[in-house]
Amino acid sequence: MPQYLVAIHHPDGYDGSLEGEAMERDIDVLNEEMAAAGARIFAGGLSAARSAKSLRAQSGGKVLVTDGPYLETKEHVGGFWILEAANLDEALAWGRKAVVACRAPVEVRAFL
């Protein structure tokens, strides 16, 4: 059976805490519905985009790490890993390897 990433996109500065209990309840109901249907494999919220790190390959085998999800026009998420890491530095180490292996920019962001 095919699997899909369903990504929720928020505007800059989005503060989910302002949405209130009704939205939390609706999300819980949707999660329960997806689980009951056998559709949900994993669900998780991401930390704010401002906490993301972007990695790009540089000449000489170097990797540049910058703050934020700075994507070039027409880029999109083509795949992802969900990793367990002790801390951001360990996650960035995996991200550096992913930049090299995939020959593409990588964003590292913590789950909430």
PDB file of N, CA and C in Angstrom:
ATOM      1  N   MET A   1       0.856  -1.177   0.000  1.00  0.00           N
ATOM      2  CA  MET A   1       0.000   0.000   0.000  1.00  0.00           C
ATOM      3  C   MET A   1       0.905   1.244   0.000  1.00  0.00           C
ATOM      4  N   PRO A   2       0.674   2.221  -0.855  1.00  0.00           N
ATOM      5  CA  PRO A   2       1.490   3.451  -0.874  1.00  0.00           C
ATOM      6  C   PRO A   2       1.364   4.233   0.427  1.00  0.00           C
ATOM      7  N   GLN A   3       2.408   4.935   0.745  1.00  0.00           N
ATOM      8  CA  GLN A   3       2.414   5.793   1.925  1.00  0.00           C
ATOM      9  C   GLN A   3       2.639   7.229   1.476  1.00  0.00           C
ATOM     10  N   TYR A   4       2.105   8.186   2.215  1.00  0.00           N
ATOM     11  CA  TYR A   4       2.187   9.590   1.839  1.00  0.00           C
ATOM     12  C   TYR A   4       2.542  10.456   3.043  1.00  0.00           C
ATOM     13  N   LEU A   5       3.285  11.512   2.776  1.00  0.00           N
ATOM     14  CA  LEU A   5       3.503  12.549   3.772  1.00  0.00           C
ATOM     15  C   LEU A   5       2.404  13.578   3.588  1.00  0.00           C
ATOM     16  N   VAL A   6       1.701  13.858   4.622  1.00  0.00           N
ATOM     17  CA  VAL A   6       0.702  14.923   4.597  1.00  0.00           C
ATOM     18  C   VAL A   6       1.285  16.046   5.445  1.00  0.00           C
ATOM     19  N   ALA A   7       1.777  17.080   4.784  1.00  0.00           N
ATOM     20  CA  ALA A   7       2.479  18.161   5.471  1.00  0.00           C
ATOM     21  C   ALA A   7       1.551  19.347   5.667  1.00  0.00           C
ATOM     22  N   ILE A   8       1.498  19.815   6.873  1.00  0.00           N
ATOM     23  CA  ILE A   8       0.703  21.003   7.186  1.00  0.00           C
ATOM     24  C   ILE A   8       1.611  22.213   7.009  1.00  0.00           C
ATOM     25  N   HIS A   9       1.167  23.186   6.214  1.00  0.00           N
ATOM     26  CA  HIS A   9       1.964  24.387   5.973  1.00  0.00           C
ATOM     27  C   HIS A   9       1.354  25.556   6.728  1.00  0.00           C
ATOM     28  N   HIS A  10       2.183  26.239   7.481  1.00  0.00           N
ATOM     29  CA  HIS A  10       1.749  27.399   8.262  1.00  0.00           C
ATOM     30  C   HIS A  10       2.489  28.643   7.782  1.00  0.00           C
ATOM     31  N   PRO A  11       1.872  29.812   7.933  1.00  0.00           N
ATOM     32  CA  PRO A  11       2.569  31.060   7.576  1.00  0.00           C
ATOM     33  C   PRO A  11       3.659  31.373   8.600  1.00  0.00           C
ATOM     34  N   ASP A  12       4.619  32.214   8.203  1.00  0.00           N
ATOM     35  CA  ASP A  12       5.654  32.655   9.138  1.00  0.00           C
ATOM     36  C   ASP A  12       5.020  33.228  10.388  1.00  0.00           C
ATOM     37  N   GLY A  13       5.622  32.933  11.514  1.00  0.00           N
ATOM     38  CA  GLY A  13       5.132  33.472  12.771  1.00  0.00           C
ATOM     39  C   GLY A  13       3.926  32.748  13.337  1.00  0.00           C
ATOM     40  N   TYR A  14       3.518  31.654  12.728  1.00  0.00           N
ATOM     41  CA  TYR A  14       2.348  30.902  13.196  1.00  0.00           C
ATOM     42  C   TYR A  14       2.547  30.462  14.640  1.00  0.00           C
ATOM     43  N   ASP A  15       1.546  30.651  15.454  1.00  0.00           N
ATOM     44  CA  ASP A  15       1.578  30.242  16.858  1.00  0.00           C
ATOM     45  C   ASP A  15       0.396  29.319  17.106  1.00  0.00           C
ATOM     46  N   GLY A  16       0.647  28.020  17.084  1.00  0.00           N
ATOM     47  CA  GLY A  16      -0.405  27.026  17.258  1.00  0.00           C
ATOM     48  C   GLY A  16      -1.131  27.124  18.586  1.00  0.00           C
ATOM     49  N   SER A  17      -0.479  27.725  19.588  1.00  0.00           N
ATOM     50  CA  SER A  17      -1.130  27.840  20.891  1.00  0.00           C
ATOM     51  C   SER A  17      -2.331  28.780  20.847  1.00  0.00           C
ATOM     52  N   LEU A  18      -2.432  29.617  19.834  1.00  0.00           N
ATOM     53  CA  LEU A  18      -3.557  30.543  19.705  1.00  0.00           C
ATOM     54  C   LEU A  18      -4.798  29.898  19.079  1.00  0.00           C
ATOM     55  N   GLU A  19      -4.653  28.688  18.574  1.00  0.00           N
ATOM     56  CA  GLU A  19      -5.764  28.015  17.896  1.00  0.00           C
ATOM     57  C   GLU A  19      -6.828  27.523  18.857  1.00  0.00           C
ATOM     58  N   GLY A  20      -6.464  27.140  20.041  1.00  0.00           N
ATOM     59  CA  GLY A  20      -7.449  26.767  21.044  1.00  0.00           C
ATOM     60  C   GLY A  20      -7.791  25.299  21.096  1.00  0.00           C
ATOM     61  N   GLU A  21      -8.673  24.997  22.052  1.00  0.00           N
ATOM     62  CA  GLU A  21      -9.046  23.614  22.342  1.00  0.00           C
ATOM     63  C   GLU A  21      -9.847  22.961  21.226  1.00  0.00           C
ATOM     64  N   ALA A  22     -10.636  23.735  20.495  1.00  0.00           N
ATOM     65  CA  ALA A  22     -11.456  23.144  19.426  1.00  0.00           C
ATOM     66  C   ALA A  22     -10.570  22.527  18.352  1.00  0.00           C
ATOM     67  N   MET A  23      -9.518  23.232  17.980  1.00  0.00           N
ATOM     68  CA  MET A  23      -8.608  22.695  16.965  1.00  0.00           C
ATOM     69  C   MET A  23      -7.890  21.460  17.498  1.00  0.00           C
ATOM     70  N   GLU A  24      -7.441  21.506  18.738  1.00  0.00           N
ATOM     71  CA  GLU A  24      -6.791  20.335  19.325  1.00  0.00           C
ATOM     72  C   GLU A  24      -7.723  19.135  19.312  1.00  0.00           C
ATOM     73  N   ARG A  25      -8.971  19.371  19.653  1.00  0.00           N
ATOM     74  CA  ARG A  25      -9.968  18.292  19.666  1.00  0.00           C
ATOM     75  C   ARG A  25     -10.189  17.753  18.256  1.00  0.00           C
ATOM     76  N   ASP A  26     -10.301  18.640  17.271  1.00  0.00           N
ATOM     77  CA  ASP A  26     -10.498  18.205  15.885  1.00  0.00           C
ATOM     78  C   ASP A  26      -9.318  17.377  15.385  1.00  0.00           C
ATOM     79  N   ILE A  27      -8.107  17.781  15.766  1.00  0.00           N
ATOM     80  CA  ILE A  27      -6.916  17.019  15.373  1.00  0.00           C
ATOM     81  C   ILE A  27      -6.923  15.652  16.044  1.00  0.00           C
ATOM     82  N   ASP A  28      -7.296  15.615  17.322  1.00  0.00           N
ATOM     83  CA  ASP A  28      -7.379  14.331  18.022  1.00  0.00           C
ATOM     84  C   ASP A  28      -8.392  13.404  17.355  1.00  0.00           C
ATOM     85  N   VAL A  29      -9.544  13.955  16.978  1.00  0.00           N
ATOM     86  CA  VAL A  29     -10.580  13.155  16.315  1.00  0.00           C
ATOM     87  C   VAL A  29     -10.058  12.623  14.975  1.00  0.00           C
ATOM     88  N   LEU A  30      -9.402  13.490  14.212  1.00  0.00           N
ATOM     89  CA  LEU A  30      -8.845  13.056  12.924  1.00  0.00           C
ATOM     90  C   LEU A  30      -7.799  11.972  13.132  1.00  0.00           C
ATOM     91  N   ASN A  31      -6.914  12.146  14.114  1.00  0.00           N
ATOM     92  CA  ASN A  31      -5.906  11.124  14.400  1.00  0.00           C
ATOM     93  C   ASN A  31      -6.554   9.789  14.763  1.00  0.00           C
ATOM     94  N   GLU A  32      -7.600   9.836  15.576  1.00  0.00           N
ATOM     95  CA  GLU A  32      -8.311   8.609  15.953  1.00  0.00           C
ATOM     96  C   GLU A  32      -8.968   7.964  14.733  1.00  0.00           C
ATOM     97  N   GLU A  33      -9.539   8.795  13.870  1.00  0.00           N
ATOM     98  CA  GLU A  33     -10.180   8.274  12.661  1.00  0.00           C
ATOM     99  C   GLU A  33      -9.156   7.614  11.745  1.00  0.00           C
ATOM    100  N   MET A  34      -8.032   8.278  11.551  1.00  0.00           N
ATOM    101  CA  MET A  34      -6.973   7.705  10.703  1.00  0.00           C
ATOM    102  C   MET A  34      -6.454   6.395  11.284  1.00  0.00           C
ATOM    103  N   ALA A  35      -6.258   6.363  12.608  1.00  0.00           N
ATOM    104  CA  ALA A  35      -5.776   5.143  13.254  1.00  0.00           C
ATOM    105  C   ALA A  35      -6.789   4.015  13.116  1.00  0.00           C
ATOM    106  N   ALA A  36      -8.064   4.317  13.313  1.00  0.00           N
ATOM    107  CA  ALA A  36      -9.113   3.300  13.200  1.00  0.00           C
ATOM    108  C   ALA A  36      -9.203   2.734  11.793  1.00  0.00           C
ATOM    109  N   ALA A  37      -8.911   3.582  10.802  1.00  0.00           N
ATOM    110  CA  ALA A  37      -8.946   3.141   9.406  1.00  0.00           C
ATOM    111  C   ALA A  37      -7.667   2.411   8.999  1.00  0.00           C
ATOM    112  N   GLY A  38      -6.697   2.384   9.909  1.00  0.00           N
ATOM    113  CA  GLY A  38      -5.422   1.746   9.579  1.00  0.00           C
ATOM    114  C   GLY A  38      -4.566   2.579   8.647  1.00  0.00           C
ATOM    115  N   ALA A  39      -4.860   3.859   8.528  1.00  0.00           N
ATOM    116  CA  ALA A  39      -4.137   4.717   7.596  1.00  0.00           C
ATOM    117  C   ALA A  39      -2.928   5.406   8.236  1.00  0.00           C
ATOM    118  N   ARG A  40      -3.008   5.707   9.510  1.00  0.00           N
ATOM    119  CA  ARG A  40      -1.957   6.487  10.163  1.00  0.00           C
ATOM    120  C   ARG A  40      -0.801   5.591  10.573  1.00  0.00           C
ATOM    121  N   ILE A  41       0.395   5.941  10.092  1.00  0.00           N
ATOM    122  CA  ILE A  41       1.610   5.237  10.467  1.00  0.00           C
ATOM    123  C   ILE A  41       2.356   6.031  11.522  1.00  0.00           C
ATOM    124  N   PHE A  42       2.458   7.333  11.329  1.00  0.00           N
ATOM    125  CA  PHE A  42       3.130   8.211  12.278  1.00  0.00           C
ATOM    126  C   PHE A  42       2.566   9.605  12.131  1.00  0.00           C
ATOM    127  N   ALA A  43       2.412  10.301  13.229  1.00  0.00           N
ATOM    128  CA  ALA A  43       2.005  11.702  13.200  1.00  0.00           C
ATOM    129  C   ALA A  43       2.843  12.449  14.217  1.00  0.00           C
ATOM    130  N   GLY A  44       3.302  13.646  13.858  1.00  0.00           N
ATOM    131  CA  GLY A  44       4.084  14.441  14.789  1.00  0.00           C
ATOM    132  C   GLY A  44       4.102  15.888  14.376  1.00  0.00           C
ATOM    133  N   GLY A  45       4.098  16.772  15.356  1.00  0.00           N
ATOM    134  CA  GLY A  45       4.229  18.190  15.075  1.00  0.00           C
ATOM    135  C   GLY A  45       5.695  18.565  14.987  1.00  0.00           C
ATOM    136  N   LEU A  46       6.007  19.533  14.159  1.00  0.00           N
ATOM    137  CA  LEU A  46       7.375  20.020  14.021  1.00  0.00           C
ATOM    138  C   LEU A  46       7.562  21.296  14.813  1.00  0.00           C
ATOM    139  N   SER A  47       8.764  21.507  15.277  1.00  0.00           N
ATOM    140  CA  SER A  47       9.089  22.759  15.944  1.00  0.00           C
ATOM    141  C   SER A  47       8.936  23.899  14.946  1.00  0.00           C
ATOM    142  N   ALA A  48       8.929  25.116  15.436  1.00  0.00           N
ATOM    143  CA  ALA A  48       8.772  26.292  14.573  1.00  0.00           C
ATOM    144  C   ALA A  48       9.858  26.324  13.501  1.00  0.00           C
ATOM    145  N   ALA A  49       9.497  26.808  12.321  1.00  0.00           N
ATOM    146  CA  ALA A  49      10.443  26.864  11.203  1.00  0.00           C
ATOM    147  C   ALA A  49      11.698  27.645  11.572  1.00  0.00           C
ATOM    148  N   ARG A  50      11.570  28.632  12.447  1.00  0.00           N
ATOM    149  CA  ARG A  50      12.738  29.439  12.816  1.00  0.00           C
ATOM    150  C   ARG A  50      13.797  28.618  13.541  1.00  0.00           C
ATOM    151  N   SER A  51      13.440  27.434  14.044  1.00  0.00           N
ATOM    152  CA  SER A  51      14.416  26.586  14.724  1.00  0.00           C
ATOM    153  C   SER A  51      15.071  25.580  13.781  1.00  0.00           C
ATOM    154  N   ALA A  52      14.657  25.577  12.513  1.00  0.00           N
ATOM    155  CA  ALA A  52      15.202  24.631  11.537  1.00  0.00           C
ATOM    156  C   ALA A  52      16.632  24.989  11.162  1.00  0.00           C
ATOM    157  N   LYS A  53      17.347  24.015  10.668  1.00  0.00           N
ATOM    158  CA  LYS A  53      18.692  24.185  10.125  1.00  0.00           C
ATOM    159  C   LYS A  53      18.675  23.645   8.704  1.00  0.00           C
ATOM    160  N   SER A  54      19.253  24.379   7.768  1.00  0.00           N
ATOM    161  CA  SER A  54      19.364  23.936   6.381  1.00  0.00           C
ATOM    162  C   SER A  54      20.825  23.646   6.081  1.00  0.00           C
ATOM    163  N   LEU A  55      21.073  22.586   5.354  1.00  0.00           N
ATOM    164  CA  LEU A  55      22.431  22.179   5.024  1.00  0.00           C
ATOM    165  C   LEU A  55      22.582  22.141   3.510  1.00  0.00           C
ATOM    166  N   ARG A  56      23.680  22.688   3.005  1.00  0.00           N
ATOM    167  CA  ARG A  56      23.944  22.707   1.566  1.00  0.00           C
ATOM    168  C   ARG A  56      25.393  22.318   1.319  1.00  0.00           C
ATOM    169  N   ALA A  57      25.590  21.495   0.304  1.00  0.00           N
ATOM    170  CA  ALA A  57      26.941  21.090  -0.080  1.00  0.00           C
ATOM    171  C   ALA A  57      27.692  22.288  -0.641  1.00  0.00           C
ATOM    172  N   GLN A  58      28.968  22.396  -0.274  1.00  0.00           N
ATOM    173  CA  GLN A  58      29.852  23.446  -0.763  1.00  0.00           C
ATOM    174  C   GLN A  58      31.031  22.776  -1.468  1.00  0.00           C
ATOM    175  N   SER A  59      31.833  23.562  -2.138  1.00  0.00           N
ATOM    176  CA  SER A  59      33.009  22.999  -2.809  1.00  0.00           C
ATOM    177  C   SER A  59      33.973  22.429  -1.775  1.00  0.00           C
ATOM    178  N   GLY A  60      34.782  21.496  -2.216  1.00  0.00           N
ATOM    179  CA  GLY A  60      35.771  20.898  -1.332  1.00  0.00           C
ATOM    180  C   GLY A  60      35.195  19.955  -0.295  1.00  0.00           C
ATOM    181  N   GLY A  61      33.995  19.461  -0.504  1.00  0.00           N
ATOM    182  CA  GLY A  61      33.391  18.508   0.419  1.00  0.00           C
ATOM    183  C   GLY A  61      32.860  19.120   1.701  1.00  0.00           C
ATOM    184  N   LYS A  62      32.806  20.437   1.766  1.00  0.00           N
ATOM    185  CA  LYS A  62      32.283  21.123   2.953  1.00  0.00           C
ATOM    186  C   LYS A  62      30.760  21.159   2.894  1.00  0.00           C
ATOM    187  N   VAL A  63      30.146  21.329   4.044  1.00  0.00           N
ATOM    188  CA  VAL A  63      28.694  21.478   4.143  1.00  0.00           C
ATOM    189  C   VAL A  63      28.410  22.746   4.937  1.00  0.00           C
ATOM    190  N   LEU A  64      27.601  23.631   4.361  1.00  0.00           N
ATOM    191  CA  LEU A  64      27.213  24.882   5.011  1.00  0.00           C
ATOM    192  C   LEU A  64      25.908  24.661   5.764  1.00  0.00           C
ATOM    193  N   VAL A  65      25.897  25.028   7.053  1.00  0.00           N
ATOM    194  CA  VAL A  65      24.690  24.928   7.891  1.00  0.00           C
ATOM    195  C   VAL A  65      24.217  26.345   8.168  1.00  0.00           C
ATOM    196  N   THR A  66      22.953  26.637   7.822  1.00  0.00           N
ATOM    197  CA  THR A  66      22.383  27.956   8.083  1.00  0.00           C
ATOM    198  C   THR A  66      21.092  27.804   8.877  1.00  0.00           C
ATOM    199  N   ASP A  67      20.705  28.867   9.563  1.00  0.00           N
ATOM    200  CA  ASP A  67      19.458  28.868  10.316  1.00  0.00           C
ATOM    201  C   ASP A  67      18.278  28.995   9.364  1.00  0.00           C
ATOM    202  N   GLY A  68      17.220  28.284   9.672  1.00  0.00           N
ATOM    203  CA  GLY A  68      15.970  28.448   8.941  1.00  0.00           C
ATOM    204  C   GLY A  68      15.814  27.532   7.748  1.00  0.00           C
ATOM    205  N   PRO A  69      14.588  27.379   7.310  1.00  0.00           N
ATOM    206  CA  PRO A  69      14.273  26.538   6.151  1.00  0.00           C
ATOM    207  C   PRO A  69      14.340  27.357   4.864  1.00  0.00           C
ATOM    208  N   TYR A  70      15.537  27.751   4.469  1.00  0.00           N
ATOM    209  CA  TYR A  70      15.685  28.615   3.304  1.00  0.00           C
ATOM    210  C   TYR A  70      15.740  27.780   2.044  1.00  0.00           C
ATOM    211  N   LEU A  71      14.613  27.659   1.380  1.00  0.00           N
ATOM    212  CA  LEU A  71      14.508  26.868   0.162  1.00  0.00           C
ATOM    213  C   LEU A  71      14.547  27.771  -1.061  1.00  0.00           C
ATOM    214  N   GLU A  72      15.150  27.271  -2.109  1.00  0.00           N
ATOM    215  CA  GLU A  72      15.145  27.989  -3.371  1.00  0.00           C
ATOM    216  C   GLU A  72      13.772  27.830  -4.021  1.00  0.00           C
ATOM    217  N   THR A  73      13.424  28.744  -4.913  1.00  0.00           N
ATOM    218  CA  THR A  73      12.158  28.668  -5.620  1.00  0.00           C
ATOM    219  C   THR A  73      12.031  27.324  -6.328  1.00  0.00           C
ATOM    220  N   LYS A  74      10.838  26.770  -6.276  1.00  0.00           N
ATOM    221  CA  LYS A  74      10.472  25.527  -6.941  1.00  0.00           C
ATOM    222  C   LYS A  74      11.068  24.291  -6.289  1.00  0.00           C
ATOM    223  N   GLU A  75      11.663  24.420  -5.108  1.00  0.00           N
ATOM    224  CA  GLU A  75      12.108  23.234  -4.391  1.00  0.00           C
ATOM    225  C   GLU A  75      10.929  22.652  -3.623  1.00  0.00           C
ATOM    226  N   HIS A  76      10.970  21.399  -3.363  1.00  0.00           N
ATOM    227  CA  HIS A  76       9.929  20.740  -2.594  1.00  0.00           C
ATOM    228  C   HIS A  76      10.536  19.575  -1.819  1.00  0.00           C
ATOM    229  N   VAL A  77       9.810  19.051  -0.883  1.00  0.00           N
ATOM    230  CA  VAL A  77      10.261  17.893  -0.119  1.00  0.00           C
ATOM    231  C   VAL A  77      10.117  16.667  -1.003  1.00  0.00           C
ATOM    232  N   GLY A  78      11.214  16.000  -1.230  1.00  0.00           N
ATOM    233  CA  GLY A  78      11.187  14.810  -2.073  1.00  0.00           C
ATOM    234  C   GLY A  78      11.268  13.522  -1.275  1.00  0.00           C
ATOM    235  N   GLY A  79      11.603  13.594  -0.020  1.00  0.00           N
ATOM    236  CA  GLY A  79      11.701  12.440   0.856  1.00  0.00           C
ATOM    237  C   GLY A  79      12.219  12.886   2.204  1.00  0.00           C
ATOM    238  N   PHE A  80      12.169  11.997   3.185  1.00  0.00           N
ATOM    239  CA  PHE A  80      12.655  12.372   4.508  1.00  0.00           C
ATOM    240  C   PHE A  80      12.984  11.133   5.316  1.00  0.00           C
ATOM    241  N   TRP A  81      13.765  11.329   6.332  1.00  0.00           N
ATOM    242  CA  TRP A  81      14.035  10.331   7.349  1.00  0.00           C
ATOM    243  C   TRP A  81      13.461  10.832   8.660  1.00  0.00           C
ATOM    244  N   ILE A  82      13.034   9.907   9.502  1.00  0.00           N
ATOM    245  CA  ILE A  82      12.705  10.220  10.888  1.00  0.00           C
ATOM    246  C   ILE A  82      13.779   9.525  11.711  1.00  0.00           C
ATOM    247  N   LEU A  83      14.566  10.300  12.390  1.00  0.00           N
ATOM    248  CA  LEU A  83      15.706   9.776  13.132  1.00  0.00           C
ATOM    249  C   LEU A  83      15.576  10.048  14.617  1.00  0.00           C
ATOM    250  N   GLU A  84      16.172   9.198  15.435  1.00  0.00           N
ATOM    251  CA  GLU A  84      16.360   9.490  16.849  1.00  0.00           C
ATOM    252  C   GLU A  84      17.789   9.982  16.991  1.00  0.00           C
ATOM    253  N   ALA A  85      17.979  11.089  17.684  1.00  0.00           N
ATOM    254  CA  ALA A  85      19.312  11.635  17.918  1.00  0.00           C
ATOM    255  C   ALA A  85      19.374  12.193  19.330  1.00  0.00           C
ATOM    256  N   ALA A  86      20.548  12.132  19.919  1.00  0.00           N
ATOM    257  CA  ALA A  86      20.711  12.601  21.288  1.00  0.00           C
ATOM    258  C   ALA A  86      20.505  14.107  21.397  1.00  0.00           C
ATOM    259  N   ASN A  87      20.867  14.843  20.324  1.00  0.00           N
ATOM    260  CA  ASN A  87      20.764  16.307  20.356  1.00  0.00           C
ATOM    261  C   ASN A  87      20.858  16.839  18.930  1.00  0.00           C
ATOM    262  N   LEU A  88      20.766  18.176  18.788  1.00  0.00           N
ATOM    263  CA  LEU A  88      20.787  18.788  17.463  1.00  0.00           C
ATOM    264  C   LEU A  88      22.105  18.517  16.740  1.00  0.00           C
ATOM    265  N   ASP A  89      23.212  18.533  17.455  1.00  0.00           N
ATOM    266  CA  ASP A  89      24.506  18.287  16.798  1.00  0.00           C
ATOM    267  C   ASP A  89      24.557  16.902  16.168  1.00  0.00           C
ATOM    268  N   GLU A  90      24.045  15.916  16.869  1.00  0.00           N
ATOM    269  CA  GLU A  90      24.023  14.559  16.314  1.00  0.00           C
ATOM    270  C   GLU A  90      23.104  14.503  15.088  1.00  0.00           C
ATOM    271  N   ALA A  91      21.954  15.172  15.181  1.00  0.00           N
ATOM    272  CA  ALA A  91      21.030  15.207  14.039  1.00  0.00           C
ATOM    273  C   ALA A  91      21.671  15.915  12.845  1.00  0.00           C
ATOM    274  N   LEU A  92      22.420  17.003  13.102  1.00  0.00           N
ATOM    275  CA  LEU A  92      23.104  17.717  12.018  1.00  0.00           C
ATOM    276  C   LEU A  92      24.195  16.854  11.380  1.00  0.00           C
ATOM    277  N   ALA A  93      24.830  16.006  12.174  1.00  0.00           N
ATOM    278  CA  ALA A  93      25.836  15.097  11.612  1.00  0.00           C
ATOM    279  C   ALA A  93      25.194  14.153  10.598  1.00  0.00           C
ATOM    280  N   TRP A  94      24.012  13.640  10.935  1.00  0.00           N
ATOM    281  CA  TRP A  94      23.279  12.801   9.979  1.00  0.00           C
ATOM    282  C   TRP A  94      22.856  13.632   8.777  1.00  0.00           C
ATOM    283  N   GLY A  95      22.442  14.873   9.024  1.00  0.00           N
ATOM    284  CA  GLY A  95      22.046  15.754   7.930  1.00  0.00           C
ATOM    285  C   GLY A  95      23.180  16.009   6.958  1.00  0.00           C
ATOM    286  N   ARG A  96      24.408  16.192   7.479  1.00  0.00           N
ATOM    287  CA  ARG A  96      25.575  16.392   6.603  1.00  0.00           C
ATOM    288  C   ARG A  96      25.769  15.187   5.686  1.00  0.00           C
ATOM    289  N   LYS A  97      25.604  13.989   6.244  1.00  0.00           N
ATOM    290  CA  LYS A  97      25.738  12.775   5.437  1.00  0.00           C
ATOM    291  C   LYS A  97      24.633  12.699   4.387  1.00  0.00           C
ATOM    292  N   ALA A  98      23.440  13.134   4.763  1.00  0.00           N
ATOM    293  CA  ALA A  98      22.313  13.110   3.819  1.00  0.00           C
ATOM    294  C   ALA A  98      22.542  14.080   2.670  1.00  0.00           C
ATOM    295  N   VAL A  99      23.113  15.271   2.962  1.00  0.00           N
ATOM    296  CA  VAL A  99      23.411  16.249   1.900  1.00  0.00           C
ATOM    297  C   VAL A  99      24.331  15.625   0.871  1.00  0.00           C
ATOM    298  N   VAL A 100      25.333  14.944   1.351  1.00  0.00           N
ATOM    299  CA  VAL A 100      26.314  14.342   0.454  1.00  0.00           C
ATOM    300  C   VAL A 100      25.687  13.191  -0.327  1.00  0.00           C
ATOM    301  N   ALA A 101      25.001  12.292   0.370  1.00  0.00           N
ATOM    302  CA  ALA A 101      24.429  11.109  -0.274  1.00  0.00           C
ATOM    303  C   ALA A 101      23.365  11.467  -1.303  1.00  0.00           C
ATOM    304  N   CYS A 102      22.543  12.459  -1.000  1.00  0.00           N
ATOM    305  CA  CYS A 102      21.412  12.799  -1.873  1.00  0.00           C
ATOM    306  C   CYS A 102      21.744  13.872  -2.900  1.00  0.00           C
ATOM    307  N   ARG A 103      22.900  14.533  -2.694  1.00  0.00           N
ATOM    308  CA  ARG A 103      23.283  15.614  -3.609  1.00  0.00           C
ATOM    309  C   ARG A 103      22.182  16.666  -3.692  1.00  0.00           C
ATOM    310  N   ALA A 104      21.620  16.981  -2.513  1.00  0.00           N
ATOM    311  CA  ALA A 104      20.507  17.915  -2.437  1.00  0.00           C
ATOM    312  C   ALA A 104      20.505  18.588  -1.071  1.00  0.00           C
ATOM    313  N   PRO A 105      19.891  19.784  -0.978  1.00  0.00           N
ATOM    314  CA  PRO A 105      19.764  20.458   0.329  1.00  0.00           C
ATOM    315  C   PRO A 105      18.922  19.622   1.294  1.00  0.00           C
ATOM    316  N   VAL A 106      19.238  19.723   2.566  1.00  0.00           N
ATOM    317  CA  VAL A 106      18.528  18.990   3.612  1.00  0.00           C
ATOM    318  C   VAL A 106      18.178  19.961   4.729  1.00  0.00           C
ATOM    319  N   GLU A 107      16.992  19.808   5.299  1.00  0.00           N
ATOM    320  CA  GLU A 107      16.576  20.577   6.463  1.00  0.00           C
ATOM    321  C   GLU A 107      16.467  19.647   7.650  1.00  0.00           C
ATOM    322  N   VAL A 108      16.984  20.072   8.789  1.00  0.00           N
ATOM    323  CA  VAL A 108      16.886  19.302  10.027  1.00  0.00           C
ATOM    324  C   VAL A 108      16.024  20.114  10.990  1.00  0.00           C
ATOM    325  N   ARG A 109      14.954  19.476  11.474  1.00  0.00           N
ATOM    326  CA  ARG A 109      14.050  20.167  12.406  1.00  0.00           C
ATOM    327  C   ARG A 109      13.596  19.168  13.462  1.00  0.00           C
ATOM    328  N   ALA A 110      13.558  19.606  14.699  1.00  0.00           N
ATOM    329  CA  ALA A 110      13.153  18.750  15.811  1.00  0.00           C
ATOM    330  C   ALA A 110      11.635  18.553  15.821  1.00  0.00           C
ATOM    331  N   PHE A 111      11.209  17.356  16.196  1.00  0.00           N
ATOM    332  CA  PHE A 111       9.789  17.123  16.473  1.00  0.00           C
ATOM    333  C   PHE A 111       9.474  17.684  17.846  1.00  0.00           C
ATOM    334  N   LEU A 112       8.235  18.079  18.038  1.00  0.00           N
ATOM    335  CA  LEU A 112       7.802  18.538  19.364  1.00  0.00           C
ATOM    336  C   LEU A 112       7.484  17.355  20.238  1.00  0.00           C
TER     337      LEU A 112
END
